[in-house]
Protein backbone atom coordinates (compact mmCIF):
# COMPACT_ATOMS: atom_id res chain seq x y z
CA UNK A 1 36.34 121.02 144.68
CA UNK A 2 34.71 118.90 141.98
CA UNK A 3 33.30 120.19 138.71
CA UNK A 4 30.78 119.09 136.09
CA UNK A 5 30.17 120.36 132.58
CA UNK A 6 27.72 123.23 132.26
CA UNK A 7 25.89 121.14 129.65
CA UNK A 8 24.34 119.09 132.46
CA UNK A 9 23.04 122.19 134.23
CA UNK A 10 21.52 123.54 131.03
CA UNK A 11 19.84 120.20 130.31
CA UNK A 12 18.30 119.92 133.78
CA UNK A 13 16.91 123.45 133.62
CA UNK A 14 15.47 122.84 130.16
CA UNK A 15 13.83 119.60 131.33
CA UNK A 16 12.30 121.42 134.31
CA UNK A 17 10.25 123.48 131.86
CA UNK A 18 8.24 126.62 132.51
CA UNK A 19 7.77 125.97 136.20
CA UNK A 20 11.18 127.46 137.01
CA UNK A 21 13.06 130.65 136.23
CA UNK A 22 15.65 129.20 133.86
CA UNK A 23 17.75 132.35 133.52
CA UNK A 24 18.01 132.84 137.28
CA UNK A 25 18.92 129.21 137.91
CA UNK A 26 21.68 129.23 135.30
CA UNK A 27 23.03 132.57 136.45
CA UNK A 28 23.13 131.16 139.97
CA UNK A 29 25.75 128.59 138.93
CA UNK A 30 27.73 131.06 136.83
CA UNK A 31 26.27 130.33 133.39
CA UNK A 32 25.23 133.16 131.08
CA UNK A 33 21.82 131.94 129.82
CA UNK A 34 22.18 133.96 126.61
CA UNK A 35 25.68 132.72 125.75
CA UNK A 36 26.26 129.85 123.28
CA UNK A 37 26.35 126.39 124.84
CA UNK A 38 29.94 125.58 125.80
CA UNK A 39 30.35 122.04 127.20
CA UNK A 40 33.91 122.96 128.10
CA UNK A 41 32.64 125.46 130.66
CA UNK A 42 32.62 123.79 134.08
CA UNK A 43 30.54 124.56 137.17
CA UNK A 44 31.30 123.52 140.76
CA UNK A 45 29.48 120.29 141.58
CA UNK A 46 28.17 121.60 144.90
CA UNK A 47 26.58 124.60 143.19
CA UNK A 48 25.07 122.23 140.65
CA UNK A 49 23.55 120.14 143.44
CA UNK A 50 22.27 123.36 145.08
CA UNK A 51 20.57 124.26 141.81
CA UNK A 52 18.86 120.86 141.62
CA UNK A 53 17.57 121.32 145.15
CA UNK A 54 16.23 124.79 144.32
CA UNK A 55 14.35 123.24 141.41
CA UNK A 56 12.96 120.58 143.76
CA UNK A 57 11.50 123.34 145.94
CA UNK A 58 9.65 124.76 142.95
CA UNK A 59 8.34 121.74 141.03
CA UNK A 60 7.77 118.00 141.40
CA UNK A 61 11.11 116.44 140.47
CA UNK A 62 10.05 112.78 140.67
CA UNK A 63 10.65 112.17 136.96
CA UNK A 64 12.97 115.14 136.27
CA UNK A 65 16.13 112.96 136.18
CA UNK A 66 14.55 110.64 133.62
CA UNK A 67 13.45 113.54 131.41
CA UNK A 68 16.89 115.11 131.69
CA UNK A 69 18.69 111.89 130.77
CA UNK A 70 16.35 111.27 127.86
CA UNK A 71 17.22 114.68 126.40
CA UNK A 72 20.97 114.00 126.19
CA UNK A 73 22.43 113.69 122.68
CA UNK A 74 25.80 112.29 121.68
CA UNK A 75 26.57 115.22 119.40
CA UNK A 76 26.53 117.49 122.45
CA UNK A 77 29.43 115.62 124.08
CA UNK A 78 32.06 116.76 121.57
CA UNK A 79 34.96 114.39 120.98
CA UNK A 80 33.79 111.96 123.66
CA UNK A 81 30.36 111.71 122.04
CA UNK A 82 31.92 111.07 118.65
CA UNK A 83 34.21 108.42 120.14
CA UNK A 84 31.20 106.74 121.78
CA UNK A 85 29.41 106.74 118.41
CA UNK A 86 32.40 105.50 116.39
CA UNK A 87 33.26 102.62 118.73
CA UNK A 88 32.49 99.27 117.12
CA UNK A 89 30.27 97.85 119.90
CA UNK A 90 28.24 99.21 122.79
CA UNK A 91 30.73 97.66 125.21
CA UNK A 92 33.54 99.53 123.46
CA UNK A 93 31.47 102.73 123.68
CA UNK A 94 31.12 102.38 127.43
CA UNK A 95 34.83 101.60 127.70
CA UNK A 96 35.42 105.05 126.18
CA UNK A 97 33.28 106.58 128.92
CA UNK A 98 35.12 104.58 131.57
CA UNK A 99 38.44 105.95 130.35
CA UNK A 100 37.60 109.53 129.36
CA UNK A 101 34.78 110.70 131.65
CA UNK A 102 37.24 112.95 133.48
CA UNK A 103 37.13 115.26 130.48
CA UNK A 104 33.53 116.06 131.48
CA UNK A 105 33.47 115.73 135.25
CA UNK A 106 35.91 115.43 138.11
CA UNK A 107 33.34 113.98 140.52
CA UNK A 108 32.30 110.79 138.71
CA UNK A 109 34.23 107.66 137.77
CA UNK A 110 32.84 104.79 135.71
CA UNK A 111 33.65 101.10 135.89
CA UNK A 112 32.75 98.11 133.73
CA UNK A 113 32.49 95.04 135.95
CA UNK A 114 31.49 91.45 135.07
CA UNK A 115 28.49 90.30 137.09
CA UNK A 116 25.93 87.53 137.26
CA UNK A 117 23.68 87.95 134.26
CA UNK A 118 25.99 90.25 132.29
CA UNK A 119 28.17 93.31 132.89
CA UNK A 120 27.61 96.25 135.21
CA UNK A 121 28.24 99.83 134.08
CA UNK A 122 28.90 101.36 137.50
CA UNK A 123 28.73 105.02 138.44
CA UNK A 124 31.06 105.97 141.33
CA UNK A 125 30.42 109.34 142.98
CA UNK A 126 31.75 110.09 146.45
CA UNK A 127 30.13 112.44 148.91
CA UNK A 128 27.00 113.00 150.97
CA UNK A 129 23.89 111.53 149.33
CA UNK A 130 22.07 114.86 149.45
CA UNK A 131 19.01 115.38 147.27
CA UNK A 132 20.97 117.20 144.57
CA UNK A 133 23.43 114.34 144.24
CA UNK A 134 20.64 111.75 144.20
CA UNK A 135 18.86 113.58 141.38
CA UNK A 136 22.14 113.95 139.51
CA UNK A 137 22.92 110.23 139.82
CA UNK A 138 19.50 109.24 138.51
CA UNK A 139 19.90 111.64 135.57
CA UNK A 140 23.37 110.27 134.82
CA UNK A 141 22.09 106.69 134.72
CA UNK A 142 19.22 107.75 132.44
CA UNK A 143 21.61 109.61 130.12
CA UNK A 144 23.90 106.57 129.90
CA UNK A 145 20.99 104.54 128.53
CA UNK A 146 19.88 107.39 126.25
CA UNK A 147 23.33 107.54 124.63
CA UNK A 148 23.40 103.76 124.22
CA UNK A 149 20.06 103.79 122.40
CA UNK A 150 21.46 106.34 119.93
CA UNK A 151 24.09 103.87 118.68
CA UNK A 152 22.15 100.62 119.00
CA UNK A 153 20.59 99.22 115.78
CA UNK A 154 17.63 97.65 117.64
CA UNK A 155 15.52 98.68 120.66
CA UNK A 156 17.61 98.46 123.81
CA UNK A 157 16.75 97.82 127.44
CA UNK A 158 19.06 96.91 130.34
CA UNK A 159 18.50 93.80 132.44
CA UNK A 160 18.20 95.93 135.58
CA UNK A 161 19.08 99.37 136.92
CA UNK A 162 20.47 99.70 140.46
CA UNK A 163 20.32 102.89 142.55
CA UNK A 164 22.01 103.36 145.93
CA UNK A 165 19.59 105.79 147.52
CA UNK A 166 15.94 105.25 148.55
CA UNK A 167 13.22 105.36 145.93
CA UNK A 168 11.21 108.53 145.19
CA UNK A 169 7.49 108.43 145.82
CA UNK A 170 6.92 106.77 142.43
CA UNK A 171 9.26 104.85 140.11
CA UNK A 172 6.73 104.39 137.29
CA UNK A 173 8.50 106.90 135.04
CA UNK A 174 11.88 105.33 135.77
CA UNK A 175 10.83 101.80 134.85
CA UNK A 176 8.97 103.05 131.77
CA UNK A 177 12.08 104.88 130.55
CA UNK A 178 14.64 102.16 131.30
CA UNK A 179 12.31 99.35 130.14
CA UNK A 180 13.42 97.12 133.01
CA UNK A 181 13.18 96.79 136.81
CA UNK A 182 14.76 99.67 138.75
CA UNK A 183 15.94 98.64 142.22
CA UNK A 184 16.59 101.37 144.79
CA UNK A 185 18.54 100.93 148.05
CA UNK A 186 20.77 98.66 145.97
CA UNK A 187 24.20 99.47 147.41
CA UNK A 188 25.55 100.91 144.16
CA UNK A 189 24.52 103.01 141.16
CA UNK A 190 24.76 100.86 138.04
CA UNK A 191 23.18 99.52 134.87
CA UNK A 192 23.25 95.77 134.26
CA UNK A 193 23.47 94.78 130.58
CA UNK A 194 23.37 91.34 129.04
CA UNK A 195 26.75 90.59 127.48
CA UNK A 196 25.20 89.99 124.07
CA UNK A 197 23.81 93.54 124.17
CA UNK A 198 27.24 95.02 124.87
CA UNK A 199 28.71 92.90 122.06
CA UNK A 200 26.19 94.16 119.49
CA UNK A 201 27.76 96.27 116.68
CA UNK A 202 27.01 99.99 116.76
CA UNK A 203 25.17 101.62 113.86
CA UNK A 204 28.06 103.93 112.88
CA UNK A 205 30.94 102.04 114.42
CA UNK A 206 34.25 102.38 112.58
CA UNK A 207 37.44 101.01 114.12
CA UNK A 208 39.75 103.34 112.23
CA UNK A 209 37.92 106.51 113.17
CA UNK A 210 37.38 105.19 116.69
CA UNK A 211 41.11 104.71 117.16
CA UNK A 212 41.81 108.13 115.72
CA UNK A 213 39.39 109.75 118.17
CA UNK A 214 40.81 107.73 121.06
CA UNK A 215 44.29 109.00 120.23
CA UNK A 216 43.12 112.57 120.54
CA UNK A 217 41.14 111.88 123.69
CA UNK A 218 44.27 110.32 125.20
CA UNK A 219 46.20 113.46 124.36
CA UNK A 220 43.51 115.65 125.89
CA UNK A 221 43.37 113.50 128.99
CA UNK A 222 47.13 113.53 129.53
CA UNK A 223 47.35 117.29 129.04
CA UNK A 224 43.95 118.20 130.44
CA UNK A 225 45.20 121.41 131.98
CA UNK A 226 47.11 122.57 128.89
CA UNK A 227 45.44 121.33 125.73
CA UNK A 228 42.53 123.58 124.67
CA UNK A 229 39.45 121.36 124.64
CA UNK A 230 37.96 123.33 121.74
CA UNK A 231 40.75 122.26 119.37
CA UNK A 232 40.43 118.58 120.28
CA UNK A 233 36.64 118.66 119.95
CA UNK A 234 36.82 120.51 116.64
CA UNK A 235 39.30 118.02 115.17
CA UNK A 236 37.07 115.14 116.23
CA UNK A 237 34.04 116.80 114.63
CA UNK A 238 35.99 117.46 111.43
CA UNK A 239 37.15 113.82 111.28
CA UNK A 240 33.56 112.62 111.64
CA UNK A 241 32.33 114.97 108.89
CA UNK A 242 35.07 114.32 106.31
CA UNK A 243 33.37 111.31 104.71
CA UNK A 244 30.80 113.77 103.33
CA UNK A 245 33.47 116.03 101.84
CA UNK A 246 35.43 118.97 103.14
CA UNK A 247 33.48 120.34 106.12
CA UNK A 248 32.51 123.99 106.37
CA UNK A 249 33.58 126.05 109.32
CA UNK A 250 30.03 127.22 110.05
CA UNK A 251 28.78 123.63 110.28
CA UNK A 252 31.55 122.53 112.64
CA UNK A 253 31.09 125.65 114.76
CA UNK A 254 27.35 125.02 115.02
CA UNK A 255 27.99 121.46 116.15
CA UNK A 256 30.21 122.82 118.93
CA UNK A 257 27.56 125.30 120.04
CA UNK A 258 29.41 128.35 118.66
CA UNK A 259 28.86 130.95 115.99
CA UNK A 260 31.30 130.88 113.07
CA UNK A 261 32.73 134.21 114.24
CA UNK A 262 33.31 132.99 117.81
CA UNK A 263 34.82 129.74 116.53
CA UNK A 264 37.20 131.63 114.25
CA UNK A 265 38.22 133.97 117.07
CA UNK A 266 38.88 131.13 119.54
CA UNK A 267 40.96 129.22 117.00
CA UNK A 268 42.97 132.37 116.34
CA UNK A 269 43.64 132.64 120.07
CA UNK A 270 45.36 129.26 119.79
CA UNK A 271 47.35 130.37 116.75
CA UNK A 272 45.51 128.40 114.09
CA UNK A 273 42.96 128.71 111.32
CA UNK A 274 40.10 126.40 110.40
CA UNK A 275 41.88 125.51 107.13
CA UNK A 276 45.03 124.49 109.02
CA UNK A 277 42.99 122.53 111.53
CA UNK A 278 41.19 120.67 108.74
CA UNK A 279 44.43 119.85 106.95
CA UNK A 280 46.04 118.60 110.16
CA UNK A 281 43.00 116.46 110.91
CA UNK A 282 42.99 114.98 107.40
CA UNK A 283 46.67 114.13 107.62
CA UNK A 284 46.45 112.58 111.09
CA UNK A 285 43.33 110.61 110.20
CA UNK A 286 44.94 109.36 106.98
CA UNK A 287 48.07 108.23 108.83
CA UNK A 288 45.98 106.40 111.41
CA UNK A 289 43.81 104.65 108.82
CA UNK A 290 46.83 103.63 106.75
CA UNK A 291 48.09 101.64 109.73
CA UNK A 292 44.92 99.54 109.57
CA UNK A 293 45.28 97.06 106.69
CA UNK A 294 41.53 96.50 106.52
CA UNK A 295 41.00 99.89 104.83
CA UNK A 296 41.78 100.16 101.12
CA UNK A 297 43.39 103.32 99.78
CA UNK A 298 40.12 104.20 98.05
CA UNK A 299 38.23 103.89 101.35
CA UNK A 300 40.78 106.06 103.14
CA UNK A 301 40.50 108.69 100.42
CA UNK A 302 36.72 108.73 100.98
CA UNK A 303 36.99 108.85 104.79
CA UNK A 304 39.39 111.79 104.61
CA UNK A 305 37.09 113.81 102.35
CA UNK A 306 38.55 113.28 98.88
CA UNK A 307 36.32 112.53 95.89
CA UNK A 308 39.14 110.73 94.04
CA UNK A 309 42.00 108.55 95.19
CA UNK A 310 44.43 110.46 92.97
CA UNK A 311 43.65 113.72 94.79
CA UNK A 312 44.23 111.98 98.12
CA UNK A 313 47.57 110.60 96.88
CA UNK A 314 48.75 114.06 95.82
CA UNK A 315 47.69 115.64 99.11
CA UNK A 316 49.29 112.90 101.20
CA UNK A 317 52.57 113.19 99.32
CA UNK A 318 52.51 116.93 99.97
CA UNK A 319 51.91 116.30 103.69
CA UNK A 320 54.51 113.63 104.42
CA UNK A 321 56.70 113.44 101.32
CA UNK A 322 55.68 109.95 100.19
CA UNK A 323 52.66 108.19 98.68
CA UNK A 324 50.03 106.48 100.84
CA UNK A 325 51.04 103.06 99.49
CA UNK A 326 54.69 103.61 100.37
CA UNK A 327 53.79 104.97 103.79
CA UNK A 328 51.67 101.89 104.54
CA UNK A 329 54.45 99.57 103.40
CA UNK A 330 56.99 101.38 105.58
CA UNK A 331 54.68 101.19 108.62
CA UNK A 332 54.18 97.43 108.15
CA UNK A 333 57.94 96.87 108.39
CA UNK A 334 58.27 98.58 111.78
């Protein structure tokens, strides 16, 4: 049985608005409507499709997938969202999705494929093309463009959007949202981008942080049944926040959709504290950045949350027993 993150279900219900009973719909797929948002909570894909079809019996869902996709925010995707944001180009961002989407769904695979006129970002989802799946695919394509626009420094529109299933009664909302032709009955679900668009630098792209996040996503992917997703997501959020100083637990918890108390309790269940988690993240981020010669020691001190390079040097020596400069020199010899 396939699963999708409960975040998608919550987003669809919110986009449906007052014409549906939100609490009943969420409860129907096993989500407590009053509980904090937990993207790590999964729901069976078939129940998710059932929910979409129940919504379709209550309201006009012609533009619901577009409204759902438009509401998606990178910060809600945890470590994967941060990795998408930190990647240096839009193409690199989508490569993160291609590799790590299994952390969010077991029913969808992504593929980047060269094509005439650019590169296709393809959505692969097996199964019967029932209404719930069709609505889900349209929403997924819309969310992929929404996330891209959040990292792009200029207005972004694909060359074309392709959808396997037949068109709804109107595609006006679809073409207005995507800003390009949307072709249904196309044989595949995909977004065609010009190569120069995928090569465009992201607003907040940082190779060092991107590689750090990718390392942790790799670890989560390889141990998906054993590594607690909360810890990986929290470390990624801490790494992203460090350039503004030492992050506060309440701020990180809020970004993960938890109260500070719940966050503290769940970390304790895994035998760690927020202070330990922050220290570990600082150390691992520093080690990763020191392997990249393009970052000066002063820059690394800033990116790991230190106001002065001397404080960073003292902390690093306490962590690994040597200075940052010596560590970098030793790494370059290996």
